N, C-alpha and C. Protein backbone atom coordinates (compact mmCIF):
# COMPACT_ATOMS: atom_id res chain seq x y z
N MET A 1 270.80 -95.75 357.80
CA MET A 1 269.24 -95.15 357.93
C MET A 1 268.61 -95.95 356.57
N PRO A 2 267.71 -96.83 356.73
CA PRO A 2 267.15 -97.22 355.09
C PRO A 2 266.05 -95.79 354.46
N HIS A 3 266.53 -95.77 353.16
CA HIS A 3 265.92 -94.46 351.99
C HIS A 3 264.11 -95.51 352.32
N THR A 4 262.72 -94.72 353.13
CA THR A 4 261.87 -95.15 353.05
C THR A 4 260.90 -94.40 352.14
N PRO A 5 260.65 -95.23 350.71
CA PRO A 5 259.95 -94.66 350.01
C PRO A 5 258.89 -93.76 349.98
N CYS A 6 258.49 -92.47 349.58
CA CYS A 6 257.39 -92.22 349.28
C CYS A 6 256.04 -93.04 348.67
N PRO A 7 254.85 -93.24 349.53
CA PRO A 7 253.71 -93.59 349.28
C PRO A 7 253.23 -93.27 347.77
N MET A 8 252.59 -93.86 346.95
CA MET A 8 251.81 -93.60 346.24
C MET A 8 250.42 -92.26 346.54
N LYS A 9 250.77 -91.20 345.54
CA LYS A 9 249.68 -90.37 345.41
C LYS A 9 248.20 -90.90 344.85
N LYS A 10 247.38 -90.79 345.47
CA LYS A 10 246.29 -90.80 345.07
C LYS A 10 245.69 -89.82 344.36
N ILE A 11 245.37 -89.79 342.84
CA ILE A 11 245.05 -88.43 342.25
C ILE A 11 243.26 -88.63 341.86
N ALA A 12 242.36 -87.68 342.28
CA ALA A 12 241.44 -88.06 341.51
C ALA A 12 241.22 -86.98 340.02
N LEU A 13 240.48 -87.64 339.51
CA LEU A 13 240.67 -86.63 337.96
C LEU A 13 238.89 -86.74 337.25
N PHE A 14 239.19 -85.36 337.55
CA PHE A 14 236.92 -85.14 337.39
C PHE A 14 236.77 -83.60 336.61
N GLY A 15 236.73 -84.41 335.23
CA GLY A 15 235.96 -83.41 334.28
C GLY A 15 234.76 -83.49 334.05
N THR A 16 234.56 -82.45 333.69
CA THR A 16 232.85 -82.06 334.09
C THR A 16 232.46 -81.03 332.65
N SER A 17 231.28 -80.72 332.80
CA SER A 17 230.73 -80.36 331.53
C SER A 17 230.34 -79.09 332.21
N ALA A 18 230.25 -78.77 333.29
CA ALA A 18 230.03 -77.53 334.24
C ALA A 18 229.22 -76.74 333.57
N ASP A 19 228.43 -76.38 332.84
CA ASP A 19 227.43 -76.01 332.24
C ASP A 19 225.84 -75.40 332.47
N PRO A 20 225.67 -74.58 333.77
CA PRO A 20 227.12 -74.35 334.45
C PRO A 20 227.78 -75.35 335.39
N PRO A 21 228.24 -75.05 336.44
CA PRO A 21 228.55 -75.85 337.73
C PRO A 21 227.64 -75.18 338.64
N THR A 22 227.33 -76.39 339.76
CA THR A 22 226.30 -75.99 340.40
C THR A 22 226.71 -76.55 342.24
N ALA A 23 225.25 -76.60 342.72
CA ALA A 23 226.10 -76.81 343.89
C ALA A 23 226.08 -78.39 344.52
N GLY A 24 225.96 -78.81 343.41
CA GLY A 24 226.56 -80.59 343.53
C GLY A 24 227.29 -80.95 342.70
N HIS A 25 228.04 -79.88 341.77
CA HIS A 25 229.94 -80.03 341.74
C HIS A 25 230.31 -79.43 342.60
N LYS A 26 229.87 -78.54 343.83
CA LYS A 26 230.70 -77.91 345.17
C LYS A 26 231.25 -78.93 345.86
N THR A 27 229.52 -79.46 346.10
CA THR A 27 229.89 -80.92 347.00
C THR A 27 230.93 -81.97 347.07
N ILE A 28 230.33 -82.56 345.16
CA ILE A 28 231.39 -83.27 345.08
C ILE A 28 233.09 -83.41 345.34
N LEU A 29 233.19 -81.63 344.55
CA LEU A 29 234.78 -81.48 345.14
C LEU A 29 235.14 -81.59 346.35
N SER A 30 234.10 -81.19 347.01
CA SER A 30 234.65 -80.89 348.47
C SER A 30 234.60 -82.57 348.97
N TRP A 31 233.95 -83.23 348.37
CA TRP A 31 234.49 -84.81 349.04
C TRP A 31 235.56 -85.39 348.82
N LEU A 32 235.96 -85.08 347.52
CA LEU A 32 237.00 -85.54 346.27
C LEU A 32 238.25 -85.02 347.29
N ALA A 33 238.04 -83.84 347.70
CA ALA A 33 239.07 -83.40 348.48
C ALA A 33 239.77 -83.79 349.51
N GLN A 34 238.56 -84.02 350.35
CA GLN A 34 238.60 -84.98 351.66
C GLN A 34 238.85 -86.44 351.72
N HIS A 35 239.23 -86.46 350.49
CA HIS A 35 239.63 -88.27 350.46
C HIS A 35 240.94 -88.52 349.04
N PHE A 36 241.16 -87.97 348.60
CA PHE A 36 242.08 -87.87 347.82
C PHE A 36 243.53 -86.83 348.23
N ASP A 37 244.39 -87.61 347.70
CA ASP A 37 245.68 -86.53 348.00
C ASP A 37 245.80 -85.12 347.16
N TYR A 38 244.94 -85.26 346.28
CA TYR A 38 245.20 -84.46 345.00
C TYR A 38 243.88 -84.45 344.31
N VAL A 39 243.58 -82.99 343.66
CA VAL A 39 242.24 -83.49 342.98
C VAL A 39 242.48 -82.75 341.39
N ALA A 40 242.48 -83.13 340.36
CA ALA A 40 242.43 -82.54 339.52
C ALA A 40 241.03 -82.35 338.26
N VAL A 41 240.81 -80.99 338.35
CA VAL A 41 239.49 -80.31 337.89
C VAL A 41 239.56 -79.71 336.40
N TRP A 42 238.37 -80.09 335.34
CA TRP A 42 238.60 -79.19 334.42
C TRP A 42 237.09 -79.42 333.50
N ALA A 43 237.04 -78.49 332.64
CA ALA A 43 235.88 -78.62 332.08
C ALA A 43 235.68 -79.17 330.99
N SER A 44 234.91 -79.76 330.76
CA SER A 44 235.28 -80.88 329.65
C SER A 44 233.83 -80.45 328.34
N ASP A 45 234.68 -80.73 327.08
CA ASP A 45 233.33 -81.34 326.01
C ASP A 45 233.02 -82.17 325.93
N ASN A 46 231.58 -82.84 326.14
CA ASN A 46 231.08 -84.21 326.28
C ASN A 46 230.86 -84.16 324.87
N PRO A 47 231.03 -85.33 324.31
CA PRO A 47 231.04 -85.62 322.87
C PRO A 47 229.54 -85.42 322.57
N PHE A 48 229.15 -86.66 323.78
CA PHE A 48 227.33 -86.89 323.85
C PHE A 48 226.64 -85.68 324.47
N LYS A 49 226.83 -84.94 324.47
CA LYS A 49 226.59 -83.69 324.99
C LYS A 49 226.51 -82.51 324.20
N SER A 50 225.76 -81.56 324.07
CA SER A 50 225.36 -80.14 323.68
C SER A 50 226.09 -78.94 324.89
N HIS A 51 226.75 -78.09 324.32
CA HIS A 51 227.03 -76.98 325.05
C HIS A 51 226.27 -75.58 324.81
N GLN A 52 225.86 -74.99 325.83
CA GLN A 52 225.48 -73.91 325.34
C GLN A 52 226.52 -72.49 326.00
N THR A 53 227.18 -72.86 326.84
CA THR A 53 228.28 -71.60 326.84
C THR A 53 229.75 -72.25 326.82
N SER A 54 230.61 -71.11 326.53
CA SER A 54 231.97 -71.59 325.88
C SER A 54 232.81 -72.26 327.44
N LEU A 55 233.57 -73.57 326.72
CA LEU A 55 234.81 -73.33 327.26
C LEU A 55 235.11 -72.81 328.49
N GLU A 56 235.71 -71.63 328.05
CA GLU A 56 236.78 -70.48 328.80
C GLU A 56 235.67 -69.94 329.50
N HIS A 57 234.59 -69.83 329.88
CA HIS A 57 233.31 -69.50 330.83
C HIS A 57 232.88 -70.56 331.52
N ARG A 58 233.32 -71.46 331.30
CA ARG A 58 232.45 -73.18 332.18
C ARG A 58 233.90 -72.95 332.62
N SER A 59 235.23 -73.01 332.48
CA SER A 59 236.39 -73.72 333.18
C SER A 59 236.37 -71.98 334.20
N GLU A 60 236.23 -70.95 333.91
CA GLU A 60 236.41 -69.94 334.83
C GLU A 60 235.11 -70.28 335.97
N MET A 61 233.98 -70.49 335.45
CA MET A 61 233.18 -70.58 336.67
C MET A 61 233.56 -72.07 338.18
N LEU A 62 234.24 -73.21 337.31
CA LEU A 62 234.54 -73.96 337.93
C LEU A 62 235.99 -73.28 338.61
N LEU A 63 236.31 -72.63 338.52
CA LEU A 63 237.91 -71.90 339.63
C LEU A 63 236.76 -71.03 340.42
N LEU A 64 235.87 -71.21 340.30
CA LEU A 64 235.12 -69.81 341.58
C LEU A 64 234.61 -70.76 342.69
N ILE A 65 234.29 -72.22 341.48
CA ILE A 65 233.93 -73.20 342.79
C ILE A 65 234.92 -73.57 343.98
N ILE A 66 235.95 -73.89 343.16
CA ILE A 66 237.36 -74.06 343.85
C ILE A 66 237.58 -72.83 344.91
N GLN A 67 237.44 -71.75 344.65
CA GLN A 67 237.65 -70.93 345.54
C GLN A 67 236.72 -71.13 346.59
N GLU A 68 235.77 -71.17 346.60
CA GLU A 68 234.54 -71.33 347.35
C GLU A 68 234.68 -72.26 348.35
N ILE A 69 235.63 -73.12 348.25
CA ILE A 69 235.80 -74.61 349.06
C ILE A 69 237.15 -74.33 349.13
N ASN A 70 238.14 -73.34 348.79
CA ASN A 70 238.72 -73.01 349.93
C ASN A 70 239.66 -74.47 351.07
N SER A 71 239.72 -75.19 350.23
CA SER A 71 240.17 -76.61 350.91
C SER A 71 241.42 -76.32 351.31
N PRO A 72 241.04 -76.62 353.03
CA PRO A 72 242.05 -76.33 353.40
C PRO A 72 243.43 -77.17 353.28
N ARG A 73 243.62 -78.15 352.33
CA ARG A 73 244.49 -78.50 352.31
C ARG A 73 245.17 -78.33 350.59
N GLN A 74 244.57 -77.72 350.06
CA GLN A 74 244.54 -76.87 348.97
C GLN A 74 245.33 -77.47 348.11
N ASN A 75 244.28 -78.99 347.51
CA ASN A 75 244.38 -80.08 347.51
C ASN A 75 243.69 -79.71 345.88
N LEU A 76 242.76 -79.28 345.94
CA LEU A 76 241.87 -78.58 344.32
C LEU A 76 242.66 -78.29 343.55
N CYS A 77 242.88 -78.35 341.94
CA CYS A 77 243.24 -77.48 340.74
C CYS A 77 242.71 -77.54 340.44
N LEU A 78 242.83 -76.45 339.24
CA LEU A 78 242.02 -76.67 337.69
C LEU A 78 243.20 -76.74 336.63
N HIS A 79 242.74 -77.45 335.98
CA HIS A 79 243.70 -78.25 334.92
C HIS A 79 243.03 -78.25 333.49
N PRO A 80 242.92 -77.24 332.96
CA PRO A 80 242.70 -76.80 331.50
C PRO A 80 243.58 -77.53 330.36
N ASP A 81 244.38 -77.80 331.23
CA ASP A 81 245.36 -78.54 329.41
C ASP A 81 245.00 -80.01 329.54
N LEU A 82 244.07 -80.95 331.00
CA LEU A 82 244.18 -81.82 330.73
C LEU A 82 242.80 -82.08 330.03
N SER A 83 241.76 -81.12 329.32
CA SER A 83 240.77 -80.80 329.21
C SER A 83 240.27 -81.45 327.55
N SER A 84 239.79 -82.31 327.26
CA SER A 84 239.92 -83.50 326.17
C SER A 84 238.45 -83.75 325.80
N PRO A 85 237.83 -83.86 324.51
CA PRO A 85 236.89 -84.67 324.31
C PRO A 85 236.98 -86.06 324.11
N ARG A 86 237.98 -86.68 323.85
CA ARG A 86 238.38 -88.00 324.07
C ARG A 86 239.41 -88.31 325.63
N THR A 87 238.00 -88.63 326.92
CA THR A 87 239.04 -88.97 328.23
C THR A 87 240.41 -90.38 328.49
N VAL A 88 240.51 -90.92 327.12
CA VAL A 88 242.18 -91.65 327.53
C VAL A 88 243.27 -90.61 326.81
N GLU A 89 242.87 -89.45 325.69
CA GLU A 89 244.04 -88.61 326.30
C GLU A 89 244.27 -87.78 327.18
N THR A 90 243.23 -87.22 328.07
CA THR A 90 242.91 -86.91 329.18
C THR A 90 244.11 -87.34 329.87
N VAL A 91 243.75 -88.50 330.08
CA VAL A 91 244.62 -90.04 330.84
C VAL A 91 246.06 -89.95 330.73
N GLU A 92 246.17 -89.82 329.59
CA GLU A 92 247.65 -89.78 329.26
C GLU A 92 248.42 -88.63 329.47
N ARG A 93 247.88 -87.50 329.21
CA ARG A 93 248.34 -86.45 329.86
C ARG A 93 248.56 -86.34 330.80
N ALA A 94 247.46 -86.50 332.15
CA ALA A 94 247.66 -86.76 333.25
C ALA A 94 249.04 -87.65 333.61
N LYS A 95 249.18 -88.67 332.96
CA LYS A 95 250.34 -89.91 333.44
C LYS A 95 251.15 -89.14 333.52
N LEU A 96 251.70 -87.84 331.69
CA LEU A 96 252.58 -87.17 331.87
C LEU A 96 253.02 -86.40 333.27
N LEU A 97 251.94 -85.66 333.94
CA LEU A 97 252.18 -85.30 334.99
C LEU A 97 252.47 -85.81 336.26
N TRP A 98 252.21 -87.07 336.64
CA TRP A 98 252.03 -87.31 337.47
C TRP A 98 252.37 -88.84 337.20
N GLU A 99 253.81 -89.37 336.81
CA GLU A 99 254.20 -90.41 336.65
C GLU A 99 253.71 -91.87 337.87
N ASN A 100 253.97 -91.43 338.67
CA ASN A 100 254.18 -92.40 339.84
C ASN A 100 252.67 -92.43 340.83
N ALA A 101 251.85 -91.78 340.35
CA ALA A 101 250.75 -91.65 341.03
C ALA A 101 249.67 -92.53 340.56
N GLU A 102 248.74 -92.97 341.57
CA GLU A 102 247.38 -93.95 341.24
C GLU A 102 245.97 -93.20 340.59
N LEU A 103 245.60 -93.03 339.61
CA LEU A 103 244.67 -92.16 338.71
C LEU A 103 243.76 -92.75 339.10
N THR A 104 242.13 -91.70 339.65
CA THR A 104 240.59 -92.12 339.53
C THR A 104 240.39 -91.37 339.00
N LEU A 105 240.13 -91.71 337.44
CA LEU A 105 238.55 -91.06 336.90
C LEU A 105 237.64 -91.41 337.56
N VAL A 106 236.49 -90.21 337.64
CA VAL A 106 235.55 -89.69 338.53
C VAL A 106 234.73 -89.36 337.89
N VAL A 107 233.87 -90.51 337.47
CA VAL A 107 231.84 -89.94 336.25
C VAL A 107 230.90 -90.17 337.62
N GLY A 108 229.84 -89.24 336.57
CA GLY A 108 228.87 -89.49 337.25
C GLY A 108 228.18 -90.47 337.05
N SER A 109 227.11 -91.29 337.94
CA SER A 109 226.20 -91.65 337.56
C SER A 109 225.63 -92.54 335.93
N ASP A 110 225.05 -90.77 336.17
CA ASP A 110 224.08 -91.12 334.37
C ASP A 110 225.46 -91.07 333.64
N LEU A 111 226.21 -91.02 333.59
CA LEU A 111 227.16 -91.54 331.71
C LEU A 111 227.65 -92.94 332.36
N VAL A 112 227.47 -93.79 333.13
CA VAL A 112 227.93 -95.43 333.54
C VAL A 112 226.80 -96.07 332.32
N PRO A 113 225.96 -95.65 332.13
CA PRO A 113 225.63 -96.62 330.97
C PRO A 113 226.02 -96.60 328.80
N GLN A 114 226.69 -95.23 329.28
CA GLN A 114 227.76 -94.84 327.78
C GLN A 114 228.92 -95.29 328.13
N LEU A 115 229.51 -95.14 329.06
CA LEU A 115 230.88 -95.58 329.02
C LEU A 115 231.35 -96.54 328.08
N SER A 116 230.65 -97.75 328.01
CA SER A 116 231.10 -98.55 327.13
C SER A 116 231.38 -98.64 325.59
N ARG A 117 230.73 -97.34 325.54
CA ARG A 117 231.03 -97.00 324.49
C ARG A 117 232.25 -95.80 324.24
N TRP A 118 232.52 -95.19 325.00
CA TRP A 118 233.59 -94.12 324.89
C TRP A 118 235.16 -94.22 324.56
N TYR A 119 235.32 -93.75 323.61
CA TYR A 119 236.60 -94.04 322.60
C TYR A 119 237.87 -94.50 323.67
N LYS A 120 238.30 -95.83 322.76
CA LYS A 120 239.32 -96.51 322.87
C LYS A 120 238.82 -96.57 324.73
N ILE A 121 237.61 -97.36 325.54
CA ILE A 121 237.40 -97.68 326.76
C ILE A 121 238.19 -98.43 327.13
N GLN A 122 238.95 -99.30 326.51
CA GLN A 122 239.38 -100.74 326.95
C GLN A 122 240.25 -100.52 327.95
N GLN A 123 241.61 -99.60 326.65
CA GLN A 123 242.72 -99.00 326.79
C GLN A 123 242.66 -98.22 328.32
N LEU A 124 241.35 -97.35 327.94
CA LEU A 124 241.59 -96.15 329.19
C LEU A 124 241.50 -96.89 331.12
N LEU A 125 240.64 -98.08 330.39
CA LEU A 125 240.63 -99.02 331.95
C LEU A 125 241.43 -99.66 332.45
N GLU A 126 242.22 -99.65 331.78
CA GLU A 126 243.54 -100.49 332.30
C GLU A 126 244.55 -99.56 332.64
N GLN A 127 244.19 -97.87 332.70
CA GLN A 127 245.37 -97.14 332.96
C GLN A 127 244.47 -96.36 334.63
N VAL A 128 243.49 -96.38 334.73
CA VAL A 128 242.41 -95.57 335.81
C VAL A 128 241.48 -96.67 336.53
N GLN A 129 241.58 -96.58 337.88
CA GLN A 129 240.16 -96.68 338.49
C GLN A 129 239.46 -95.79 338.38
N LEU A 130 237.75 -96.47 338.80
CA LEU A 130 236.59 -95.42 338.25
C LEU A 130 235.87 -95.49 339.28
N LEU A 131 235.63 -94.01 339.64
CA LEU A 131 235.00 -93.86 341.08
C LEU A 131 233.20 -93.05 340.53
N VAL A 132 232.23 -93.96 340.78
CA VAL A 132 231.62 -93.60 340.40
C VAL A 132 230.34 -92.58 341.40
N VAL A 133 229.66 -91.37 341.01
CA VAL A 133 229.16 -89.85 342.26
C VAL A 133 227.70 -90.52 341.96
N PRO A 134 227.16 -91.24 342.98
CA PRO A 134 225.68 -91.36 342.38
C PRO A 134 225.19 -89.58 342.47
N ARG A 135 224.44 -89.48 341.26
CA ARG A 135 223.54 -88.67 341.53
C ARG A 135 221.54 -88.91 341.36
N PRO A 136 221.03 -87.90 342.10
CA PRO A 136 219.81 -88.08 341.74
C PRO A 136 219.26 -88.55 341.11
N GLY A 137 218.01 -89.34 340.64
CA GLY A 137 217.91 -90.00 339.91
C GLY A 137 218.64 -90.86 338.50
N TYR A 138 219.89 -91.25 339.01
CA TYR A 138 220.55 -92.35 338.13
C TYR A 138 221.22 -92.98 339.23
N PRO A 139 220.22 -94.04 339.13
CA PRO A 139 221.32 -94.80 340.43
C PRO A 139 222.06 -95.31 339.82
N PRO A 140 223.31 -96.06 340.05
CA PRO A 140 223.90 -97.16 338.91
C PRO A 140 223.26 -98.44 338.77
N GLU A 141 223.20 -98.57 337.83
CA GLU A 141 222.28 -100.27 337.23
C GLU A 141 223.24 -101.16 337.19
N ASN A 142 222.83 -101.94 338.00
CA ASN A 142 223.87 -103.69 338.22
C ASN A 142 224.66 -104.17 336.70
N LEU A 143 224.01 -104.31 336.26
CA LEU A 143 224.04 -104.31 334.64
C LEU A 143 225.32 -103.50 334.03
N ASP A 144 225.14 -102.25 334.48
CA ASP A 144 226.23 -101.87 333.49
C ASP A 144 227.48 -101.73 334.53
N LEU A 145 227.28 -101.94 335.26
CA LEU A 145 228.51 -101.83 336.35
C LEU A 145 229.32 -103.29 336.32
N TRP A 146 228.62 -104.17 335.94
CA TRP A 146 228.87 -105.47 335.64
C TRP A 146 229.32 -105.46 334.42
N LYS A 147 229.32 -104.86 333.35
CA LYS A 147 229.70 -104.84 332.13
C LYS A 147 231.00 -104.41 332.27
N LEU A 148 231.34 -102.93 332.70
CA LEU A 148 232.31 -102.21 332.93
C LEU A 148 233.43 -103.74 333.57
N ARG A 149 233.02 -104.21 334.68
CA ARG A 149 234.14 -104.98 335.51
C ARG A 149 234.60 -106.13 334.50
N ARG A 150 233.68 -106.25 333.97
CA ARG A 150 234.00 -107.29 333.03
C ARG A 150 234.62 -107.02 331.92
N MET A 151 235.21 -105.73 331.64
CA MET A 151 235.78 -105.80 330.43
C MET A 151 237.26 -105.03 331.58
N GLY A 152 237.22 -105.20 332.34
CA GLY A 152 238.66 -105.16 333.71
C GLY A 152 238.73 -104.00 334.13
N ALA A 153 237.29 -103.33 334.74
CA ALA A 153 237.24 -101.49 335.34
C ALA A 153 237.64 -102.44 336.47
N ASP A 154 238.19 -101.33 337.42
CA ASP A 154 238.31 -101.44 339.07
C ASP A 154 237.04 -100.06 339.32
N VAL A 155 235.75 -100.76 339.58
CA VAL A 155 234.83 -99.48 339.82
C VAL A 155 234.41 -99.39 341.42
N ALA A 156 234.06 -98.15 342.14
CA ALA A 156 233.77 -98.26 343.32
C ALA A 156 232.81 -96.97 343.29
N ILE A 157 231.64 -96.47 344.04
CA ILE A 157 230.77 -95.98 344.55
C ILE A 157 231.25 -95.32 345.29
N ALA A 158 230.91 -93.61 345.27
CA ALA A 158 231.45 -92.70 346.13
C ALA A 158 230.23 -92.82 346.97
N SER A 159 230.58 -92.82 348.74
CA SER A 159 229.43 -92.86 349.33
C SER A 159 229.28 -91.06 350.03
N LEU A 160 228.66 -90.81 349.31
CA LEU A 160 228.26 -88.83 349.54
C LEU A 160 226.80 -89.23 348.68
N SER A 161 226.27 -88.02 349.20
CA SER A 161 225.08 -87.66 348.66
C SER A 161 224.90 -86.12 348.36
N VAL A 162 224.56 -86.13 346.73
CA VAL A 162 224.73 -84.92 346.11
C VAL A 162 223.44 -84.54 346.21
N PRO A 163 223.39 -82.90 346.09
CA PRO A 163 221.84 -82.42 346.00
C PRO A 163 221.12 -82.88 344.38
N ASN A 164 219.87 -82.56 345.20
CA ASN A 164 219.15 -82.73 344.13
C ASN A 164 219.24 -81.85 342.65
N VAL A 165 220.25 -81.16 342.46
CA VAL A 165 219.76 -79.96 341.27
C VAL A 165 221.30 -80.29 340.14
N SER A 166 220.97 -79.62 339.18
CA SER A 166 221.56 -80.00 338.01
C SER A 166 221.80 -78.79 337.30
N SER A 167 222.91 -78.82 336.18
CA SER A 167 222.98 -77.62 335.03
C SER A 167 221.97 -77.75 334.34
N THR A 168 221.36 -79.12 333.66
CA THR A 168 220.09 -79.18 332.86
C THR A 168 219.08 -78.18 333.55
N SER A 169 218.91 -78.76 334.82
CA SER A 169 217.72 -78.02 335.29
C SER A 169 217.79 -76.08 335.46
N TYR A 170 218.65 -75.84 335.63
CA TYR A 170 218.92 -74.66 335.48
C TYR A 170 219.00 -74.12 334.27
N ARG A 171 219.45 -74.65 333.22
CA ARG A 171 219.49 -73.82 331.45
C ARG A 171 218.10 -74.40 330.95
N GLU A 172 217.12 -75.19 331.74
CA GLU A 172 216.32 -75.34 330.88
C GLU A 172 214.80 -74.53 331.82
N THR A 173 214.90 -73.72 333.12
CA THR A 173 214.08 -73.50 333.73
C THR A 173 214.55 -72.15 334.76
N GLY A 174 215.72 -72.33 334.74
CA GLY A 174 216.53 -70.87 335.42
C GLY A 174 216.25 -71.27 337.20
N ASP A 175 216.78 -72.67 337.19
CA ASP A 175 216.34 -73.02 338.85
C ASP A 175 217.46 -71.83 340.24
N LEU A 176 217.29 -70.92 340.30
CA LEU A 176 218.80 -70.69 340.99
C LEU A 176 219.11 -71.32 342.17
N GLY A 177 218.27 -71.98 342.28
CA GLY A 177 218.91 -72.71 343.64
C GLY A 177 219.57 -74.36 343.54
N ALA A 178 220.26 -74.02 342.21
CA ALA A 178 220.86 -75.00 341.93
C ALA A 178 222.30 -74.22 341.49
N LEU A 179 222.40 -72.80 341.94
CA LEU A 179 223.64 -72.03 341.22
C LEU A 179 223.93 -71.61 343.39
N THR A 180 225.51 -71.45 343.49
CA THR A 180 225.87 -70.67 344.64
C THR A 180 226.32 -69.42 343.73
N PRO A 181 226.15 -68.39 344.87
CA PRO A 181 225.93 -67.00 344.48
C PRO A 181 227.32 -66.43 343.90
N PRO A 182 228.55 -67.11 343.93
CA PRO A 182 229.43 -66.55 342.77
C PRO A 182 229.14 -67.15 341.70
N ILE A 183 228.67 -68.30 341.13
CA ILE A 183 228.27 -68.86 339.75
C ILE A 183 227.15 -67.45 339.20
N GLU A 184 226.58 -67.51 340.04
CA GLU A 184 225.05 -66.46 339.81
C GLU A 184 225.21 -65.32 339.66
N ALA A 185 226.36 -64.59 340.24
CA ALA A 185 226.73 -63.41 340.10
C ALA A 185 227.66 -63.36 338.43
N TYR A 186 228.38 -64.33 338.50
CA TYR A 186 229.25 -64.27 337.05
C TYR A 186 228.49 -65.12 335.84
N ILE A 187 227.33 -65.46 335.85
CA ILE A 187 226.43 -65.55 334.87
C ILE A 187 225.75 -63.96 334.32
N ASN A 188 224.74 -63.86 335.33
CA ASN A 188 224.79 -61.95 335.51
C ASN A 188 225.56 -61.08 334.84
N ARG A 189 226.53 -61.35 335.42
CA ARG A 189 227.50 -60.34 334.82
C ARG A 189 228.62 -60.63 333.31
N GLU A 190 227.89 -61.87 332.94
CA GLU A 190 228.62 -62.24 331.37
C GLU A 190 227.64 -62.58 330.49
N HIS A 191 226.41 -62.39 331.37
CA HIS A 191 225.09 -62.55 330.44
C HIS A 191 225.17 -63.50 329.30
N LEU A 192 225.24 -65.12 330.45
CA LEU A 192 225.36 -65.93 329.56
C LEU A 192 223.73 -66.91 329.99
N TYR A 193 223.62 -68.03 329.46
CA TYR A 193 222.04 -68.91 329.27
C TYR A 193 221.23 -67.95 328.67
N ALA A 194 220.41 -68.27 327.55
CA ALA A 194 219.79 -67.68 326.82
C ALA A 194 218.44 -67.03 327.83
N TRP A 195 217.41 -68.80 328.36
CA TRP A 195 216.48 -67.92 329.13
C TRP A 195 217.09 -66.80 330.20
N HIS A 196 218.24 -66.63 330.55
CA HIS A 196 218.48 -64.90 331.58
C HIS A 196 218.31 -63.92 330.47
N GLU A 197 218.13 -63.81 329.59
CA GLU A 197 218.55 -63.15 328.29
C GLU A 197 216.85 -62.58 328.58
N ALA A 198 216.06 -63.30 328.23
CA ALA A 198 214.97 -63.99 327.84
C ALA A 198 214.12 -63.09 328.77
N GLN A 199 214.29 -63.63 330.10
CA GLN A 199 213.76 -62.91 331.25
C GLN A 199 213.91 -61.20 331.76
N LYS A 200 215.52 -61.04 331.28
CA LYS A 200 215.73 -59.59 331.21
C LYS A 200 214.98 -58.75 330.27
N ARG A 201 214.80 -59.30 329.38
CA ARG A 201 214.02 -58.73 327.75
C ARG A 201 212.54 -58.68 328.43
N ALA A 202 212.11 -59.91 329.26
CA ALA A 202 210.47 -59.00 329.65
C ALA A 202 210.44 -58.65 331.19
N GLN A 203 211.70 -58.17 331.43
CA GLN A 203 211.43 -57.19 332.53
C GLN A 203 211.34 -56.02 332.28
N VAL A 204 212.55 -55.92 330.96
CA VAL A 204 212.46 -54.33 330.11
C VAL A 204 211.12 -54.00 329.53
N ALA A 205 210.38 -54.90 329.00
CA ALA A 205 208.89 -54.88 328.12
C ALA A 205 207.83 -54.07 329.55
N HIS A 206 208.10 -54.80 330.63
CA HIS A 206 207.01 -54.42 331.54
C HIS A 206 207.25 -53.07 332.21
C-alpha cells in the first residue's frame, strides 16, 4: 500500500502585548483554536508601544486565558520562546520548531497601518500568511491592505466579532468589563497597574 503523506499542519502564530489580556483576547484565541491545527501564543514587547507590566506577568495572564478556554483539541499553547520585538525573528524560530508547517501570522487590524514599517517586512511576508483580526474602531483600510498585497503579502480577514473592550481602556479607566474573572483575580493578587493601586489607597483614605 503506498505511503500517504501527512497533510501540512496549519499553525497560527499569535503574539500580543496582553497588557493585560482581555475578554477580546479570549474570543480571538477560541476562534483560532477552531480554525487551525495548532495555535502558538506568546506575550510580546511591541516596539511601537509602551508597556506597564513585565513580560513575565503578561505571559502568566495569557496562560490563564488559555486554561479558561480549555480547547477540546488541546491545540492552544503558550510559547514564550517565540517572543521577540522583531517578528521576523519569531517566525525564524517558529520555522525551526515546525519545519513543514504552513504558518499564519495573526495581527489585529489596529496594527495593519504600521506593518509596512516593521523590521525586514519583505522577508517576513515571504515566510508567512497574514490573518487580520478586525478590532472595533479599527476597520482594515483598503489602501493599507493593498500596500501589503503589493509587497507580496497573502492577506485574509478573520470572520469573527471581537468584544468592544481593550487593554488600553482597562489601563486608563479600570474598565473591569474588559477582563475575565481569573485575570482580574491575578491583577488583584499581584498588585498590577497604577490605577488599581491608586484606587486601593483612596479606599483606605476613606
